[in-house]
C-alpha atoms as a PDB file:
ATOM      1  CA  MET A   1      -3.721   8.605 -10.693  1.00  0.00           C
ATOM      2  CA  ASP A   2      -3.891   5.972 -13.657  1.00  0.00           C
ATOM      3  CA  GLU A   3      -0.446   6.119 -13.354  1.00  0.00           C
ATOM      4  CA  LEU A   4      -0.664   5.020  -9.919  1.00  0.00           C
ATOM      5  CA  ILE A   5      -3.089   2.058 -10.702  1.00  0.00           C
ATOM      6  CA  GLN A   6      -1.712   0.391 -13.519  1.00  0.00           C
ATOM      7  CA  SER A   7       1.782   1.275 -11.567  1.00  0.00           C
ATOM      8  CA  MET A   8       0.524  -1.053  -8.645  1.00  0.00           C
ATOM      9  CA  GLY A   9      -1.462  -3.417 -10.664  1.00  0.00           C
ATOM     10  CA  GLU A  10       2.588  -4.344 -12.040  1.00  0.00           C
ATOM     11  CA  ARG A  11       4.196  -4.648  -8.561  1.00  0.00           C
ATOM     12  CA  LEU A  12       1.391  -6.480  -7.389  1.00  0.00           C
ATOM     13  CA  THR A  13       1.653  -9.308 -10.614  1.00  0.00           C
ATOM     14  CA  LYS A  14       5.775  -9.342 -10.181  1.00  0.00           C
ATOM     15  CA  ARG A  15       5.090 -10.576  -6.234  1.00  0.00           C
ATOM     16  CA  ARG A  16       2.583 -12.915  -7.098  1.00  0.00           C
ATOM     17  CA  LYS A  17       4.758 -14.144 -10.687  1.00  0.00           C
ATOM     18  CA  GLN A  18       7.746 -13.965  -8.073  1.00  0.00           C
ATOM     19  CA  LEU A  19       5.992 -16.169  -5.217  1.00  0.00           C
ATOM     20  CA  ARG A  20       4.636 -18.600  -8.233  1.00  0.00           C
ATOM     21  CA  LEU A  21       1.023 -18.252  -7.097  1.00  0.00           C
ATOM     22  CA  THR A  22      -1.311 -17.942  -9.649  1.00  0.00           C
ATOM     23  CA  GLN A  23      -4.213 -15.772  -9.568  1.00  0.00           C
ATOM     24  CA  GLU A  24      -6.735 -18.206  -8.404  1.00  0.00           C
ATOM     25  CA  GLU A  25      -4.224 -18.928  -5.959  1.00  0.00           C
ATOM     26  CA  LEU A  26      -3.295 -15.526  -4.497  1.00  0.00           C
ATOM     27  CA  ALA A  27      -7.617 -14.519  -4.276  1.00  0.00           C
ATOM     28  CA  GLU A  28      -7.506 -17.686  -2.065  1.00  0.00           C
ATOM     29  CA  ARG A  29      -5.474 -16.903   0.463  1.00  0.00           C
ATOM     30  CA  ALA A  30      -6.094 -13.265   0.728  1.00  0.00           C
ATOM     31  CA  GLU A  31     -10.493 -14.008   0.915  1.00  0.00           C
ATOM     32  CA  MET A  32     -10.927 -11.742  -1.991  1.00  0.00           C
ATOM     33  CA  THR A  33     -12.328 -12.662  -5.368  1.00  0.00           C
ATOM     34  CA  THR A  34     -10.134 -13.736  -9.300  1.00  0.00           C
ATOM     35  CA  GLN A  35     -11.912 -10.712 -10.412  1.00  0.00           C
ATOM     36  CA  THR A  36     -10.708  -8.225  -8.047  1.00  0.00           C
ATOM     37  CA  ILE A  37      -7.468  -9.534  -8.676  1.00  0.00           C
ATOM     38  CA  SER A  38      -7.160  -9.620 -12.540  1.00  0.00           C
ATOM     39  CA  THR A  39      -8.467  -6.071 -12.588  1.00  0.00           C
ATOM     40  CA  ALA A  40      -5.788  -5.138 -10.532  1.00  0.00           C
ATOM     41  CA  GLU A  41      -3.830  -6.332 -11.807  1.00  0.00           C
ATOM     42  CA  THR A  42      -4.304  -5.268 -15.093  1.00  0.00           C
ATOM     43  CA  GLY A  43      -4.940  -1.429 -13.357  1.00  0.00           C
ATOM     44  CA  ARG A  44      -8.637  -1.561 -14.528  1.00  0.00           C
ATOM     45  CA  LYS A  45      -9.714  -0.773 -11.229  1.00  0.00           C
ATOM     46  CA  ALA A  46      -8.479   0.264  -8.563  1.00  0.00           C
ATOM     47  CA  LEU A  47      -8.006  -1.516  -4.941  1.00  0.00           C
ATOM     48  CA  ARG A  48     -10.044  -1.126  -2.077  1.00  0.00           C
ATOM     49  CA  PRO A  49      -8.248  -0.038   1.747  1.00  0.00           C
ATOM     50  CA  GLN A  50      -9.152  -3.352   3.214  1.00  0.00           C
ATOM     51  CA  ASN A  51      -7.898  -5.458  -0.259  1.00  0.00           C
ATOM     52  CA  ILE A  52      -4.437  -3.196  -0.234  1.00  0.00           C
ATOM     53  CA  VAL A  53      -3.939  -4.610   3.035  1.00  0.00           C
ATOM     54  CA  LYS A  54      -5.066  -7.978   2.674  1.00  0.00           C
ATOM     55  CA  LEU A  55      -2.670  -8.866  -0.412  1.00  0.00           C
ATOM     56  CA  CYS A  56       0.449  -7.225   1.040  1.00  0.00           C
ATOM     57  CA  ARG A  57      -0.083  -9.695   4.187  1.00  0.00           C
ATOM     58  CA  THR A  58      -0.800 -12.312   1.978  1.00  0.00           C
ATOM     59  CA  LEU A  59       2.327 -11.317  -0.546  1.00  0.00           C
ATOM     60  CA  GLU A  60       4.423  -9.884   2.455  1.00  0.00           C
ATOM     61  CA  ILE A  61       4.943  -6.366   0.925  1.00  0.00           C
ATOM     62  CA  SER A  62       4.179  -3.153   2.369  1.00  0.00           C
ATOM     63  CA  ALA A  63       1.540  -1.259   1.350  1.00  0.00           C
ATOM     64  CA  ASP A  64       4.864   1.434   0.403  1.00  0.00           C
ATOM     65  CA  TYR A  65       6.348  -0.950  -2.031  1.00  0.00           C
ATOM     66  CA  LEU A  66       2.713  -1.499  -3.348  1.00  0.00           C
ATOM     67  CA  LEU A  67       1.542   1.841  -3.302  1.00  0.00           C
ATOM     68  CA  PHE A  68       5.137   3.419  -4.829  1.00  0.00           C
ATOM     69  CA  GLY A  69       7.157   0.901  -4.740  1.00  0.00           C
ATOM     70  CA  GLU A  70       9.527   1.912  -1.906  1.00  0.00           C
ATOM     71  CA  ILE A  71      11.210  -0.753  -0.307  1.00  0.00           C
ATOM     72  CA  SER A  72      10.486  -0.629   3.675  1.00  0.00           C
ATOM     73  CA  ASN A  73      12.080  -2.062   6.503  1.00  0.00           C
ATOM     74  CA  GLY A  74       8.549  -4.362   6.482  1.00  0.00           C
ATOM     75  CA  ASP A  75      10.147  -4.954   3.175  1.00  0.00           C
ATOM     76  CA  VAL A  76      13.265  -6.334   4.412  1.00  0.00           C
ATOM     77  CA  ALA A  77      11.965  -8.098   7.221  1.00  0.00           C
ATOM     78  CA  PRO A  78      11.524 -11.448   5.701  1.00  0.00           C
ATOM     79  CA  LEU A  79      15.240 -11.662   3.722  1.00  0.00           C
ATOM     80  CA  ALA A  80      16.435 -10.452   7.488  1.00  0.00           C
ATOM     81  CA  ALA A  81      14.686 -13.759   9.529  1.00  0.00           C
ATOM     82  CA  LYS A  82      15.762 -16.010   6.021  1.00  0.00           C
ATOM     83  CA  VAL A  83      19.384 -14.434   6.757  1.00  0.00           C
ATOM     84  CA  SER A  84      19.580 -15.195  10.376  1.00  0.00           C
ATOM     85  CA  GLN A  85      19.275 -19.202   9.582  1.00  0.00           C
ATOM     86  CA  LEU A  86      22.480 -19.270   7.125  1.00  0.00           C
ATOM     87  CA  SER A  87      25.648 -20.762   9.144  1.00  0.00           C
ATOM     88  CA  PRO A  88      28.628 -18.189   8.780  1.00  0.00           C
ATOM     89  CA  GLU A  89      29.723 -19.591   6.129  1.00  0.00           C
ATOM     90  CA  GLN A  90      26.795 -19.481   4.381  1.00  0.00           C
ATOM     91  CA  TYR A  91      26.163 -15.820   5.354  1.00  0.00           C
ATOM     92  CA  HIS A  92      29.847 -14.899   3.648  1.00  0.00           C
ATOM     93  CA  TYR A  93      28.805 -16.810   0.573  1.00  0.00           C
ATOM     94  CA  LEU A  94      25.789 -14.711  -0.144  1.00  0.00           C
ATOM     95  CA  GLU A  95      27.214 -11.471   1.338  1.00  0.00           C
ATOM     96  CA  ASP A  96      29.797 -12.511  -1.677  1.00  0.00           C
ATOM     97  CA  ILE A  97      27.015 -12.346  -3.756  1.00  0.00           C
ATOM     98  CA  ILE A  98      25.078  -9.746  -2.980  1.00  0.00           C
ATOM     99  CA  ASN A  99      28.280  -8.029  -3.376  1.00  0.00           C
ATOM    100  CA  SER A 100      29.593  -9.167  -7.277  1.00  0.00           C
ATOM    101  CA  PHE A 101      25.161  -8.337  -8.124  1.00  0.00           C
ATOM    102  CA  ILE A 102      25.477  -5.637  -6.569  1.00  0.00           C
ATOM    103  CA  SER A 103      29.202  -4.634  -8.346  1.00  0.00           C
ATOM    104  CA  ALA A 104      26.956  -5.356 -11.605  1.00  0.00           C
ATOM    105  CA  VAL A 105      24.565  -3.816 -11.235  1.00  0.00           C
ATOM    106  CA  ASN A 106      26.121  -0.479 -10.809  1.00  0.00           C
ATOM    107  CA  THR A 107      28.379  -1.409 -13.702  1.00  0.00           C
ATOM    108  CA  ASP A 108      25.498  -1.827 -15.925  1.00  0.00           C
ATOM    109  CA  LYS A 109      23.747   2.150 -14.954  1.00  0.00           C
ATOM    110  CA  GLN A 110      27.014   3.515 -15.347  1.00  0.00           C
ATOM    111  CA  THR A 111      27.463   1.826 -19.414  1.00  0.00           C
ATOM    112  CA  GLU A 112      23.805   3.319 -20.058  1.00  0.00           C
ATOM    113  CA  SER A 113      24.417   6.328 -19.192  1.00  0.00           C
ATOM    114  CA  GLU A 114      27.422   6.618 -21.440  1.00  0.00           C
ATOM    115  CA  THR A 115      24.879   5.701 -24.018  1.00  0.00           C
END
């Protein structure tokens, strides 16, 4: 259980920083205390179910991602909405970037497994 809470805290911190939010800003937006955010991020204390819901909504992530680190359709939806606003030219450019990224990641994984 402690490992689950610790992993959740790491994902919470990572997403908060990705959105460039301080703990105070996240707490305010999620209508929680800064102390609750801090103890959740450090894995010192488990979150109550209602706080998990608040954080998932505020951070635009699914409970599956926060709890287990698994990407669900709910996690992809905000990205899909952004991509749908691109022009066809921008879309194809983004597609090239994503393909290059995936190729690089797969190459890195293959190199790691060979060593």
